[in-house]
Amino acid sequence: MRKPPNARLVLLVACLLPGMGHVMTGRMQRGLAFAFFTLVFMVLTYLTTTPDQSFLGRHAGGLFIWALSLPDAYRRARIDQVTYEREHGEFA
């Protein structure tokens, strides 16, 4: 088992690109699903709102999915990190 990436780095990547924090931890399918649904819900909310809504209002659905993915990516990366440290006797 290779050493998992640092959980904070995973969180940073997840903040910059939706779903890529999961991909970084080896959960490709979950990460791509988050990226896909972020895009789908951004488009859906954009199409169902009026032009006088703010940027956040017009993209709220996708931003919500993206926000849900952040703690999930961090938590999974942190669990991987702690598990690795316990198995290999390394403590950060």
PDB file of N, CA and C in Angstrom:
ATOM      1  N   MET A   1       0.853  -1.187   0.000  1.00  0.00           N
ATOM      2  CA  MET A   1       0.000   0.000   0.000  1.00  0.00           C
ATOM      3  C   MET A   1       0.892   1.241   0.000  1.00  0.00           C
ATOM      4  N   ARG A   2       0.666   2.105  -0.943  1.00  0.00           N
ATOM      5  CA  ARG A   2       1.450   3.339  -0.996  1.00  0.00           C
ATOM      6  C   ARG A   2       0.886   4.363  -0.022  1.00  0.00           C
ATOM      7  N   LYS A   3       1.743   5.307   0.342  1.00  0.00           N
ATOM      8  CA  LYS A   3       1.332   6.329   1.301  1.00  0.00           C
ATOM      9  C   LYS A   3       0.248   7.212   0.681  1.00  0.00           C
ATOM     10  N   PRO A   4      -0.860   7.429   1.383  1.00  0.00           N
ATOM     11  CA  PRO A   4      -1.946   8.262   0.837  1.00  0.00           C
ATOM     12  C   PRO A   4      -1.536   9.737   0.835  1.00  0.00           C
ATOM     13  N   PRO A   5      -2.153  10.531  -0.035  1.00  0.00           N
ATOM     14  CA  PRO A   5      -1.837  11.965  -0.071  1.00  0.00           C
ATOM     15  C   PRO A   5      -2.295  12.661   1.213  1.00  0.00           C
ATOM     16  N   ASN A   6      -1.663  13.756   1.504  1.00  0.00           N
ATOM     17  CA  ASN A   6      -2.016  14.555   2.674  1.00  0.00           C
ATOM     18  C   ASN A   6      -3.468  15.020   2.548  1.00  0.00           C
ATOM     19  N   ALA A   7      -4.215  14.907   3.633  1.00  0.00           N
ATOM     20  CA  ALA A   7      -5.643  15.246   3.608  1.00  0.00           C
ATOM     21  C   ALA A   7      -5.871  16.728   3.289  1.00  0.00           C
ATOM     22  N   ARG A   8      -4.980  17.591   3.746  1.00  0.00           N
ATOM     23  CA  ARG A   8      -5.150  19.025   3.456  1.00  0.00           C
ATOM     24  C   ARG A   8      -4.911  19.327   1.985  1.00  0.00           C
ATOM     25  N   LEU A   9      -3.978  18.621   1.378  1.00  0.00           N
ATOM     26  CA  LEU A   9      -3.746  18.788  -0.057  1.00  0.00           C
ATOM     27  C   LEU A   9      -4.957  18.297  -0.850  1.00  0.00           C
ATOM     28  N   VAL A  10      -5.536  17.193  -0.401  1.00  0.00           N
ATOM     29  CA  VAL A  10      -6.749  16.670  -1.037  1.00  0.00           C
ATOM     30  C   VAL A  10      -7.867  17.712  -0.945  1.00  0.00           C
ATOM     31  N   LEU A  11      -8.014  18.327   0.217  1.00  0.00           N
ATOM     32  CA  LEU A  11      -9.039  19.358   0.396  1.00  0.00           C
ATOM     33  C   LEU A  11      -8.788  20.548  -0.525  1.00  0.00           C
ATOM     34  N   LEU A  12      -7.539  20.963  -0.653  1.00  0.00           N
ATOM     35  CA  LEU A  12      -7.205  22.078  -1.541  1.00  0.00           C
ATOM     36  C   LEU A  12      -7.563  21.753  -2.988  1.00  0.00           C
ATOM     37  N   VAL A  13      -7.206  20.574  -3.432  1.00  0.00           N
ATOM     38  CA  VAL A  13      -7.526  20.158  -4.806  1.00  0.00           C
ATOM     39  C   VAL A  13      -9.039  20.079  -4.992  1.00  0.00           C
ATOM     40  N   ALA A  14      -9.744  19.555  -3.991  1.00  0.00           N
ATOM     41  CA  ALA A  14     -11.205  19.454  -4.065  1.00  0.00           C
ATOM     42  C   ALA A  14     -11.858  20.831  -4.120  1.00  0.00           C
ATOM     43  N   CYS A  15     -11.244  21.815  -3.463  1.00  0.00           N
ATOM     44  CA  CYS A  15     -11.774  23.185  -3.506  1.00  0.00           C
ATOM     45  C   CYS A  15     -11.594  23.804  -4.892  1.00  0.00           C
ATOM     46  N   LEU A  16     -10.527  23.447  -5.563  1.00  0.00           N
ATOM     47  CA  LEU A  16     -10.236  24.033  -6.872  1.00  0.00           C
ATOM     48  C   LEU A  16     -10.999  23.364  -8.005  1.00  0.00           C
ATOM     49  N   LEU A  17     -11.138  22.044  -7.930  1.00  0.00           N
ATOM     50  CA  LEU A  17     -11.806  21.282  -8.986  1.00  0.00           C
ATOM     51  C   LEU A  17     -12.764  20.270  -8.367  1.00  0.00           C
ATOM     52  N   PRO A  18     -14.043  20.370  -8.659  1.00  0.00           N
ATOM     53  CA  PRO A  18     -15.007  19.456  -8.030  1.00  0.00           C
ATOM     54  C   PRO A  18     -14.729  17.994  -8.381  1.00  0.00           C
ATOM     55  N   GLY A  19     -14.686  17.158  -7.364  1.00  0.00           N
ATOM     56  CA  GLY A  19     -14.499  15.726  -7.555  1.00  0.00           C
ATOM     57  C   GLY A  19     -13.054  15.268  -7.626  1.00  0.00           C
ATOM     58  N   MET A  20     -12.128  16.172  -7.856  1.00  0.00           N
ATOM     59  CA  MET A  20     -10.749  15.758  -8.051  1.00  0.00           C
ATOM     60  C   MET A  20     -10.047  15.371  -6.750  1.00  0.00           C
ATOM     61  N   GLY A  21     -10.561  15.806  -5.619  1.00  0.00           N
ATOM     62  CA  GLY A  21     -10.025  15.346  -4.343  1.00  0.00           C
ATOM     63  C   GLY A  21     -10.256  13.855  -4.174  1.00  0.00           C
ATOM     64  N   HIS A  22     -11.424  13.394  -4.587  1.00  0.00           N
ATOM     65  CA  HIS A  22     -11.727  11.969  -4.531  1.00  0.00           C
ATOM     66  C   HIS A  22     -10.838  11.195  -5.497  1.00  0.00           C
ATOM     67  N   VAL A  23     -10.648  11.741  -6.681  1.00  0.00           N
ATOM     68  CA  VAL A  23      -9.796  11.087  -7.674  1.00  0.00           C
ATOM     69  C   VAL A  23      -8.376  10.952  -7.123  1.00  0.00           C
ATOM     70  N   MET A  24      -7.908  11.980  -6.441  1.00  0.00           N
ATOM     71  CA  MET A  24      -6.575  11.955  -5.857  1.00  0.00           C
ATOM     72  C   MET A  24      -6.396  10.845  -4.826  1.00  0.00           C
ATOM     73  N   THR A  25      -7.462  10.509  -4.120  1.00  0.00           N
ATOM     74  CA  THR A  25      -7.391   9.456  -3.112  1.00  0.00           C
ATOM     75  C   THR A  25      -7.664   8.072  -3.695  1.00  0.00           C
ATOM     76  N   GLY A  26      -7.831   7.987  -5.004  1.00  0.00           N
ATOM     77  CA  GLY A  26      -8.047   6.702  -5.648  1.00  0.00           C
ATOM     78  C   GLY A  26      -9.500   6.308  -5.799  1.00  0.00           C
ATOM     79  N   ARG A  27     -10.395   7.224  -5.513  1.00  0.00           N
ATOM     80  CA  ARG A  27     -11.832   6.951  -5.652  1.00  0.00           C
ATOM     81  C   ARG A  27     -12.345   7.627  -6.925  1.00  0.00           C
ATOM     82  N   MET A  28     -11.875   7.106  -8.046  1.00  0.00           N
ATOM     83  CA  MET A  28     -12.137   7.705  -9.353  1.00  0.00           C
ATOM     84  C   MET A  28     -13.632   7.803  -9.643  1.00  0.00           C
ATOM     85  N   GLN A  29     -14.362   6.723  -9.443  1.00  0.00           N
ATOM     86  CA  GLN A  29     -15.788   6.708  -9.784  1.00  0.00           C
ATOM     87  C   GLN A  29     -16.563   7.725  -8.952  1.00  0.00           C
ATOM     88  N   ARG A  30     -16.277   7.798  -7.668  1.00  0.00           N
ATOM     89  CA  ARG A  30     -16.978   8.746  -6.795  1.00  0.00           C
ATOM     90  C   ARG A  30     -16.642  10.189  -7.189  1.00  0.00           C
ATOM     91  N   GLY A  31     -15.373  10.450  -7.470  1.00  0.00           N
ATOM     92  CA  GLY A  31     -14.955  11.791  -7.857  1.00  0.00           C
ATOM     93  C   GLY A  31     -15.581  12.240  -9.167  1.00  0.00           C
ATOM     94  N   LEU A  32     -15.601  11.365 -10.138  1.00  0.00           N
ATOM     95  CA  LEU A  32     -16.201  11.725 -11.421  1.00  0.00           C
ATOM     96  C   LEU A  32     -17.714  11.888 -11.299  1.00  0.00           C
ATOM     97  N   ALA A  33     -18.332  11.124 -10.406  1.00  0.00           N
ATOM     98  CA  ALA A  33     -19.769  11.291 -10.164  1.00  0.00           C
ATOM     99  C   ALA A  33     -20.044  12.664  -9.558  1.00  0.00           C
ATOM    100  N   PHE A  34     -19.231  13.090  -8.584  1.00  0.00           N
ATOM    101  CA  PHE A  34     -19.399  14.420  -8.005  1.00  0.00           C
ATOM    102  C   PHE A  34     -19.194  15.498  -9.072  1.00  0.00           C
ATOM    103  N   ALA A  35     -18.175  15.344  -9.911  1.00  0.00           N
ATOM    104  CA  ALA A  35     -17.917  16.330 -10.965  1.00  0.00           C
ATOM    105  C   ALA A  35     -19.094  16.383 -11.943  1.00  0.00           C
ATOM    106  N   PHE A  36     -19.600  15.218 -12.325  1.00  0.00           N
ATOM    107  CA  PHE A  36     -20.718  15.148 -13.265  1.00  0.00           C
ATOM    108  C   PHE A  36     -21.969  15.811 -12.689  1.00  0.00           C
ATOM    109  N   PHE A  37     -22.328  15.466 -11.461  1.00  0.00           N
ATOM    110  CA  PHE A  37     -23.542  16.021 -10.882  1.00  0.00           C
ATOM    111  C   PHE A  37     -23.401  17.505 -10.536  1.00  0.00           C
ATOM    112  N   THR A  38     -22.188  17.942 -10.234  1.00  0.00           N
ATOM    113  CA  THR A  38     -21.962  19.376 -10.048  1.00  0.00           C
ATOM    114  C   THR A  38     -22.285  20.114 -11.341  1.00  0.00           C
ATOM    115  N   LEU A  39     -21.772  19.610 -12.441  1.00  0.00           N
ATOM    116  CA  LEU A  39     -22.027  20.239 -13.735  1.00  0.00           C
ATOM    117  C   LEU A  39     -23.506  20.167 -14.113  1.00  0.00           C
ATOM    118  N   VAL A  40     -24.127  19.013 -13.930  1.00  0.00           N
ATOM    119  CA  VAL A  40     -25.540  18.840 -14.284  1.00  0.00           C
ATOM    120  C   VAL A  40     -26.425  19.792 -13.486  1.00  0.00           C
ATOM    121  N   PHE A  41     -26.208  19.876 -12.184  1.00  0.00           N
ATOM    122  CA  PHE A  41     -27.059  20.734 -11.363  1.00  0.00           C
ATOM    123  C   PHE A  41     -26.772  22.216 -11.582  1.00  0.00           C
ATOM    124  N   MET A  42     -25.533  22.556 -11.962  1.00  0.00           N
ATOM    125  CA  MET A  42     -25.267  23.955 -12.325  1.00  0.00           C
ATOM    126  C   MET A  42     -26.071  24.341 -13.560  1.00  0.00           C
ATOM    127  N   VAL A  43     -26.072  23.461 -14.546  1.00  0.00           N
ATOM    128  CA  VAL A  43     -26.824  23.732 -15.777  1.00  0.00           C
ATOM    129  C   VAL A  43     -28.320  23.774 -15.492  1.00  0.00           C
ATOM    130  N   LEU A  44     -28.822  22.825 -14.701  1.00  0.00           N
ATOM    131  CA  LEU A  44     -30.257  22.806 -14.395  1.00  0.00           C
ATOM    132  C   LEU A  44     -30.710  24.067 -13.669  1.00  0.00           C
ATOM    133  N   THR A  45     -29.958  24.486 -12.663  1.00  0.00           N
ATOM    134  CA  THR A  45     -30.379  25.699 -11.956  1.00  0.00           C
ATOM    135  C   THR A  45     -30.201  26.931 -12.830  1.00  0.00           C
ATOM    136  N   TYR A  46     -29.205  26.924 -13.694  1.00  0.00           N
ATOM    137  CA  TYR A  46     -29.021  28.044 -14.613  1.00  0.00           C
ATOM    138  C   TYR A  46     -30.226  28.160 -15.554  1.00  0.00           C
ATOM    139  N   LEU A  47     -30.680  27.029 -16.056  1.00  0.00           N
ATOM    140  CA  LEU A  47     -31.795  27.034 -17.003  1.00  0.00           C
ATOM    141  C   LEU A  47     -33.146  27.324 -16.351  1.00  0.00           C
ATOM    142  N   THR A  48     -33.258  27.074 -15.060  1.00  0.00           N
ATOM    143  CA  THR A  48     -34.556  27.262 -14.403  1.00  0.00           C
ATOM    144  C   THR A  48     -34.653  28.563 -13.619  1.00  0.00           C
ATOM    145  N   THR A  49     -33.639  29.399 -13.682  1.00  0.00           N
ATOM    146  CA  THR A  49     -33.699  30.692 -12.996  1.00  0.00           C
ATOM    147  C   THR A  49     -33.776  31.816 -14.014  1.00  0.00           C
ATOM    148  N   THR A  50     -34.118  32.988 -13.534  1.00  0.00           N
ATOM    149  CA  THR A  50     -34.232  34.146 -14.420  1.00  0.00           C
ATOM    150  C   THR A  50     -32.901  34.896 -14.498  1.00  0.00           C
ATOM    151  N   PRO A  51     -32.681  35.647 -15.554  1.00  0.00           N
ATOM    152  CA  PRO A  51     -31.418  36.383 -15.704  1.00  0.00           C
ATOM    153  C   PRO A  51     -31.156  37.409 -14.601  1.00  0.00           C
ATOM    154  N   ASP A  52     -32.190  37.850 -13.892  1.00  0.00           N
ATOM    155  CA  ASP A  52     -31.949  38.844 -12.839  1.00  0.00           C
ATOM    156  C   ASP A  52     -31.471  38.216 -11.527  1.00  0.00           C
ATOM    157  N   GLN A  53     -31.249  36.889 -11.494  1.00  0.00           N
ATOM    158  CA  GLN A  53     -30.670  36.234 -10.318  1.00  0.00           C
ATOM    159  C   GLN A  53     -29.157  36.449 -10.317  1.00  0.00           C
ATOM    160  N   SER A  54     -28.568  36.391  -9.137  1.00  0.00           N
ATOM    161  CA  SER A  54     -27.114  36.540  -9.030  1.00  0.00           C
ATOM    162  C   SER A  54     -26.422  35.290  -9.583  1.00  0.00           C
ATOM    163  N   PHE A  55     -25.104  35.386  -9.747  1.00  0.00           N
ATOM    164  CA  PHE A  55     -24.322  34.235 -10.208  1.00  0.00           C
ATOM    165  C   PHE A  55     -24.517  33.047  -9.275  1.00  0.00           C
ATOM    166  N   LEU A  56     -24.469  33.305  -7.975  1.00  0.00           N
ATOM    167  CA  LEU A  56     -24.651  32.220  -7.008  1.00  0.00           C
ATOM    168  C   LEU A  56     -26.043  31.604  -7.111  1.00  0.00           C
ATOM    169  N   GLY A  57     -27.033  32.431  -7.306  1.00  0.00           N
ATOM    170  CA  GLY A  57     -28.395  31.937  -7.445  1.00  0.00           C
ATOM    171  C   GLY A  57     -28.594  31.111  -8.696  1.00  0.00           C
ATOM    172  N   ARG A  58     -27.936  31.514  -9.768  1.00  0.00           N
ATOM    173  CA  ARG A  58     -28.098  30.798 -11.036  1.00  0.00           C
ATOM    174  C   ARG A  58     -27.345  29.478 -11.065  1.00  0.00           C
ATOM    175  N   HIS A  59     -26.379  29.298 -10.194  1.00  0.00           N
ATOM    176  CA  HIS A  59     -25.574  28.080 -10.180  1.00  0.00           C
ATOM    177  C   HIS A  59     -25.651  27.343  -8.842  1.00  0.00           C
ATOM    178  N   ALA A  60     -26.642  27.657  -8.040  1.00  0.00           N
ATOM    179  CA  ALA A  60     -26.726  27.148  -6.666  1.00  0.00           C
ATOM    180  C   ALA A  60     -26.767  25.627  -6.576  1.00  0.00           C
ATOM    181  N   GLY A  61     -27.435  24.974  -7.474  1.00  0.00           N
ATOM    182  CA  GLY A  61     -27.529  23.510  -7.422  1.00  0.00           C
ATOM    183  C   GLY A  61     -26.166  22.851  -7.519  1.00  0.00           C
ATOM    184  N   GLY A  62     -25.385  23.278  -8.483  1.00  0.00           N
ATOM    185  CA  GLY A  62     -24.046  22.715  -8.654  1.00  0.00           C
ATOM    186  C   GLY A  62     -23.114  23.091  -7.530  1.00  0.00           C
ATOM    187  N   LEU A  63     -23.216  24.324  -7.073  1.00  0.00           N
ATOM    188  CA  LEU A  63     -22.368  24.756  -5.966  1.00  0.00           C
ATOM    189  C   LEU A  63     -22.690  23.981  -4.691  1.00  0.00           C
ATOM    190  N   PHE A  64     -23.953  23.615  -4.520  1.00  0.00           N
ATOM    191  CA  PHE A  64     -24.354  22.815  -3.363  1.00  0.00           C
ATOM    192  C   PHE A  64     -23.717  21.424  -3.417  1.00  0.00           C
ATOM    193  N   ILE A  65     -23.764  20.790  -4.574  1.00  0.00           N
ATOM    194  CA  ILE A  65     -23.147  19.464  -4.729  1.00  0.00           C
ATOM    195  C   ILE A  65     -21.637  19.567  -4.498  1.00  0.00           C
ATOM    196  N   TRP A  66     -21.028  20.605  -5.034  1.00  0.00           N
ATOM    197  CA  TRP A  66     -19.599  20.821  -4.851  1.00  0.00           C
ATOM    198  C   TRP A  66     -19.274  20.973  -3.358  1.00  0.00           C
ATOM    199  N   ALA A  67     -20.097  21.752  -2.659  1.00  0.00           N
ATOM    200  CA  ALA A  67     -19.889  21.958  -1.225  1.00  0.00           C
ATOM    201  C   ALA A  67     -20.043  20.648  -0.449  1.00  0.00           C
ATOM    202  N   LEU A  68     -20.945  19.787  -0.874  1.00  0.00           N
ATOM    203  CA  LEU A  68     -21.096  18.489  -0.217  1.00  0.00           C
ATOM    204  C   LEU A  68     -19.877  17.603  -0.424  1.00  0.00           C
ATOM    205  N   SER A  69     -19.210  17.759  -1.556  1.00  0.00           N
ATOM    206  CA  SER A  69     -18.065  16.895  -1.850  1.00  0.00           C
ATOM    207  C   SER A  69     -16.826  17.252  -1.038  1.00  0.00           C
ATOM    208  N   LEU A  70     -16.716  18.499  -0.578  1.00  0.00           N
ATOM    209  CA  LEU A  70     -15.514  18.933   0.129  1.00  0.00           C
ATOM    210  C   LEU A  70     -15.274  18.180   1.442  1.00  0.00           C
ATOM    211  N   PRO A  71     -16.219  18.181   2.376  1.00  0.00           N
ATOM    212  CA  PRO A  71     -15.957  17.442   3.617  1.00  0.00           C
ATOM    213  C   PRO A  71     -15.832  15.936   3.388  1.00  0.00           C
ATOM    214  N   ASP A  72     -16.528  15.427   2.384  1.00  0.00           N
ATOM    215  CA  ASP A  72     -16.447  14.004   2.078  1.00  0.00           C
ATOM    216  C   ASP A  72     -15.042  13.634   1.612  1.00  0.00           C
ATOM    217  N   ALA A  73     -14.479  14.413   0.718  1.00  0.00           N
ATOM    218  CA  ALA A  73     -13.121  14.147   0.221  1.00  0.00           C
ATOM    219  C   ALA A  73     -12.106  14.249   1.353  1.00  0.00           C
ATOM    220  N   TYR A  74     -12.224  15.283   2.168  1.00  0.00           N
ATOM    221  CA  TYR A  74     -11.282  15.460   3.276  1.00  0.00           C
ATOM    222  C   TYR A  74     -11.388  14.318   4.283  1.00  0.00           C
ATOM    223  N   ARG A  75     -12.612  13.968   4.644  1.00  0.00           N
ATOM    224  CA  ARG A  75     -12.818  12.906   5.630  1.00  0.00           C
ATOM    225  C   ARG A  75     -12.242  11.583   5.139  1.00  0.00           C
ATOM    226  N   ARG A  76     -12.499  11.247   3.889  1.00  0.00           N
ATOM    227  CA  ARG A  76     -11.983   9.987   3.343  1.00  0.00           C
ATOM    228  C   ARG A  76     -10.462  10.000   3.263  1.00  0.00           C
ATOM    229  N   ALA A  77      -9.881  11.141   2.889  1.00  0.00           N
ATOM    230  CA  ALA A  77      -8.420  11.247   2.828  1.00  0.00           C
ATOM    231  C   ALA A  77      -7.818  11.140   4.223  1.00  0.00           C
ATOM    232  N   ARG A  78      -8.461  11.748   5.192  1.00  0.00           N
ATOM    233  CA  ARG A  78      -7.958  11.704   6.568  1.00  0.00           C
ATOM    234  C   ARG A  78      -8.035  10.295   7.134  1.00  0.00           C
ATOM    235  N   ILE A  79      -9.106   9.584   6.843  1.00  0.00           N
ATOM    236  CA  ILE A  79      -9.233   8.189   7.286  1.00  0.00           C
ATOM    237  C   ILE A  79      -8.126   7.344   6.660  1.00  0.00           C
ATOM    238  N   ASP A  80      -7.877   7.532   5.377  1.00  0.00           N
ATOM    239  CA  ASP A  80      -6.791   6.804   4.707  1.00  0.00           C
ATOM    240  C   ASP A  80      -5.451   7.115   5.349  1.00  0.00           C
ATOM    241  N   GLN A  81      -5.238   8.375   5.659  1.00  0.00           N
ATOM    242  CA  GLN A  81      -3.976   8.815   6.252  1.00  0.00           C
ATOM    243  C   GLN A  81      -3.765   8.181   7.633  1.00  0.00           C
ATOM    244  N   VAL A  82      -4.781   8.224   8.480  1.00  0.00           N
ATOM    245  CA  VAL A  82      -4.677   7.656   9.825  1.00  0.00           C
ATOM    246  C   VAL A  82      -4.512   6.136   9.763  1.00  0.00           C
ATOM    247  N   THR A  83      -5.238   5.492   8.875  1.00  0.00           N
ATOM    248  CA  THR A  83      -5.119   4.042   8.719  1.00  0.00           C
ATOM    249  C   THR A  83      -3.704   3.660   8.306  1.00  0.00           C
ATOM    250  N   TYR A  84      -3.151   4.379   7.360  1.00  0.00           N
ATOM    251  CA  TYR A  84      -1.793   4.112   6.910  1.00  0.00           C
ATOM    252  C   TYR A  84      -0.798   4.309   8.052  1.00  0.00           C
ATOM    253  N   GLU A  85      -0.951   5.388   8.804  1.00  0.00           N
ATOM    254  CA  GLU A  85      -0.038   5.675   9.910  1.00  0.00           C
ATOM    255  C   GLU A  85      -0.105   4.599  10.981  1.00  0.00           C
ATOM    256  N   ARG A  86      -1.283   4.103  11.267  1.00  0.00           N
ATOM    257  CA  ARG A  86      -1.418   3.048  12.277  1.00  0.00           C
ATOM    258  C   ARG A  86      -0.803   1.740  11.803  1.00  0.00           C
ATOM    259  N   GLU A  87      -0.994   1.422  10.541  1.00  0.00           N
ATOM    260  CA  GLU A  87      -0.462   0.163  10.002  1.00  0.00           C
ATOM    261  C   GLU A  87       1.050   0.184   9.881  1.00  0.00           C
ATOM    262  N   HIS A  88       1.622   1.348   9.619  1.00  0.00           N
ATOM    263  CA  HIS A  88       3.059   1.447   9.376  1.00  0.00           C
ATOM    264  C   HIS A  88       3.829   2.101  10.522  1.00  0.00           C
ATOM    265  N   GLY A  89       3.174   2.411  11.604  1.00  0.00           N
ATOM    266  CA  GLY A  89       3.842   2.962  12.766  1.00  0.00           C
ATOM    267  C   GLY A  89       4.352   4.374  12.578  1.00  0.00           C
ATOM    268  N   GLU A  90       3.801   5.106  11.624  1.00  0.00           N
ATOM    269  CA  GLU A  90       4.183   6.494  11.394  1.00  0.00           C
ATOM    270  C   GLU A  90       3.125   7.401  12.001  1.00  0.00           C
ATOM    271  N   PHE A  91       3.571   8.403  12.716  1.00  0.00           N
ATOM    272  CA  PHE A  91       2.600   9.328  13.299  1.00  0.00           C
ATOM    273  C   PHE A  91       3.026  10.748  12.940  1.00  0.00           C
ATOM    274  N   ALA A  92       2.086  11.492  12.378  1.00  0.00           N
ATOM    275  CA  ALA A  92       2.387  12.855  11.932  1.00  0.00           C
ATOM    276  C   ALA A  92       2.260  13.849  13.058  1.00  0.00           C
TER     277      ALA A  92
END
